[in-house]
């Protein structure tokens, strides 16, 4: 998967999850991988981007609020959220936004110098 999600023409929705981790890993990486796999299988999922350098930020993109609610309410995701609160996160914030406009840039393919 590209590190930058390929999204359709707006409007669409973004869920921004910003977090501070605990020192506990105990299944975190496996669960995070499973959550991405599960999200990708959900109707209305458009893509995701994620980065962590101290503070973690994951942005997932969705076609509708209904799709976001279905993701929030999925039983496996609910269990991951419970474990996150109990073990993996010191704190987190979730923001839901409607994307009205987006712009993209990609440099032309550059020749490698030897």
Protein backbone atom coordinates (compact mmCIF):
# COMPACT_ATOMS: atom_id res chain seq x y z
CA UNK A 1 0.00 0.00 0.00
CA UNK A 2 1.26 3.48 -0.84
CA UNK A 3 2.04 5.62 2.23
CA UNK A 4 -0.33 8.27 0.83
CA UNK A 5 -3.92 7.09 0.36
CA UNK A 6 -5.49 7.45 -3.07
CA UNK A 7 -8.83 9.10 -2.34
CA UNK A 8 -11.70 10.00 -4.68
CA UNK A 9 -12.92 13.47 -5.52
CA UNK A 10 -14.35 15.14 -2.40
CA UNK A 11 -16.52 15.13 -0.50
CA UNK A 12 -15.57 12.18 1.66
CA UNK A 13 -14.81 11.72 5.36
CA UNK A 14 -11.62 11.43 7.40
CA UNK A 15 -11.15 9.94 10.87
CA UNK A 16 -7.98 11.28 12.51
CA UNK A 17 -6.69 9.17 15.40
CA UNK A 18 -3.84 10.80 17.34
CA UNK A 19 -2.26 8.79 20.16
CA UNK A 20 0.44 8.50 22.79
CA UNK A 21 1.48 4.90 23.49
CA UNK A 22 2.32 3.15 26.73
CA UNK A 23 5.46 1.01 26.99
CA UNK A 24 3.32 -2.13 26.64
CA UNK A 25 3.38 -3.89 23.28
CA UNK A 26 1.65 -7.18 24.20
CA UNK A 27 -0.05 -7.84 20.84
CA UNK A 28 -0.29 -4.22 19.71
CA UNK A 29 1.50 -4.65 16.35
CA UNK A 30 -0.51 -7.75 15.46
CA UNK A 31 -3.78 -6.04 16.40
CA UNK A 32 -2.89 -2.86 14.50
CA UNK A 33 -2.19 -4.96 11.38
CA UNK A 34 -5.46 -6.81 11.80
CA UNK A 35 -7.38 -3.52 12.21
CA UNK A 36 -6.01 -2.23 8.91
CA UNK A 37 -6.87 -5.52 7.21
CA UNK A 38 -10.37 -5.38 8.69
CA UNK A 39 -10.90 -1.71 7.74
CA UNK A 40 -9.83 -2.49 4.16
CA UNK A 41 -12.60 -5.11 4.00
CA UNK A 42 -15.30 -2.66 5.17
CA UNK A 43 -17.76 -1.16 2.72
CA UNK A 44 -16.98 2.54 2.31
CA UNK A 45 -13.29 2.37 3.31
CA UNK A 46 -11.16 4.52 0.96
CA UNK A 47 -7.65 4.28 2.41
CA UNK A 48 -5.42 5.15 5.37
CA UNK A 49 -2.17 6.89 6.26
CA UNK A 50 -0.19 6.38 9.45
CA UNK A 51 2.97 7.71 11.10
CA UNK A 52 4.54 7.42 14.55
CA UNK A 53 7.49 9.29 15.98
CA UNK A 54 6.52 9.58 19.60
CA UNK A 55 3.00 10.79 18.81
CA UNK A 56 1.11 8.51 16.44
CA UNK A 57 -1.29 9.77 13.81
CA UNK A 58 -3.50 7.54 11.70
CA UNK A 59 -5.95 9.03 9.23
CA UNK A 60 -8.53 6.74 7.66
CA UNK A 61 -10.76 7.87 4.81
CA UNK A 62 -14.39 6.85 4.37
CA UNK A 63 -17.16 7.37 1.84
CA UNK A 64 -19.84 8.21 4.46
CA UNK A 65 -20.67 8.67 8.12
CA UNK A 66 -22.59 5.40 7.94
CA UNK A 67 -19.38 3.61 6.95
CA UNK A 68 -17.55 5.26 9.87
CA UNK A 69 -20.27 4.16 12.29
CA UNK A 70 -20.10 0.59 10.94
CA UNK A 71 -16.32 0.63 11.50
CA UNK A 72 -16.69 2.05 15.02
CA UNK A 73 -19.28 -0.62 15.89
CA UNK A 74 -17.51 -3.65 14.37
CA UNK A 75 -17.01 -6.23 17.18
CA UNK A 76 -13.28 -6.79 16.48
CA UNK A 77 -12.66 -3.05 16.38
CA UNK A 78 -14.62 -2.59 19.64
CA UNK A 79 -12.36 -5.19 21.28
CA UNK A 80 -9.22 -3.45 19.96
CA UNK A 81 -10.54 -0.14 21.33
CA UNK A 82 -11.06 -1.77 24.74
CA UNK A 83 -7.51 -3.16 24.76
CA UNK A 84 -6.17 0.22 23.64
CA UNK A 85 -7.76 1.94 26.62
CA UNK A 86 -6.61 -0.77 29.04
CA UNK A 87 -3.06 -1.42 27.76
CA UNK A 88 -1.67 0.41 24.75
CA UNK A 89 -2.50 4.11 25.00
CA UNK A 90 -1.65 6.77 27.54
CA UNK A 91 -4.03 9.07 25.68
CA UNK A 92 -5.71 9.48 22.32
CA UNK A 93 -8.04 11.77 20.42
CA UNK A 94 -10.34 10.85 17.56
CA UNK A 95 -11.56 13.55 15.17
CA UNK A 96 -14.09 13.04 12.38
CA UNK A 97 -14.00 15.53 9.50
CA UNK A 98 -15.70 16.00 6.15
CA UNK A 99 -13.12 16.57 3.42
CA UNK A 100 -14.42 19.29 1.14
CA UNK A 101 -11.29 19.85 -0.92
CA UNK A 102 -7.94 18.18 -1.49
CA UNK A 103 -4.86 18.92 -3.56
CA UNK A 104 -2.07 16.56 -4.55
CA UNK A 105 1.44 16.84 -5.94
CA UNK A 106 3.76 14.19 -7.33
CA UNK A 107 7.20 15.07 -8.67
CA UNK A 108 7.93 13.78 -12.16
CA UNK A 109 9.98 10.61 -12.14
CA UNK A 110 13.60 11.65 -11.71
CA UNK A 111 16.62 10.05 -13.33
CA UNK A 112 19.06 8.41 -10.98
CA UNK A 113 22.63 9.66 -11.23
CA UNK A 114 25.47 7.15 -11.09
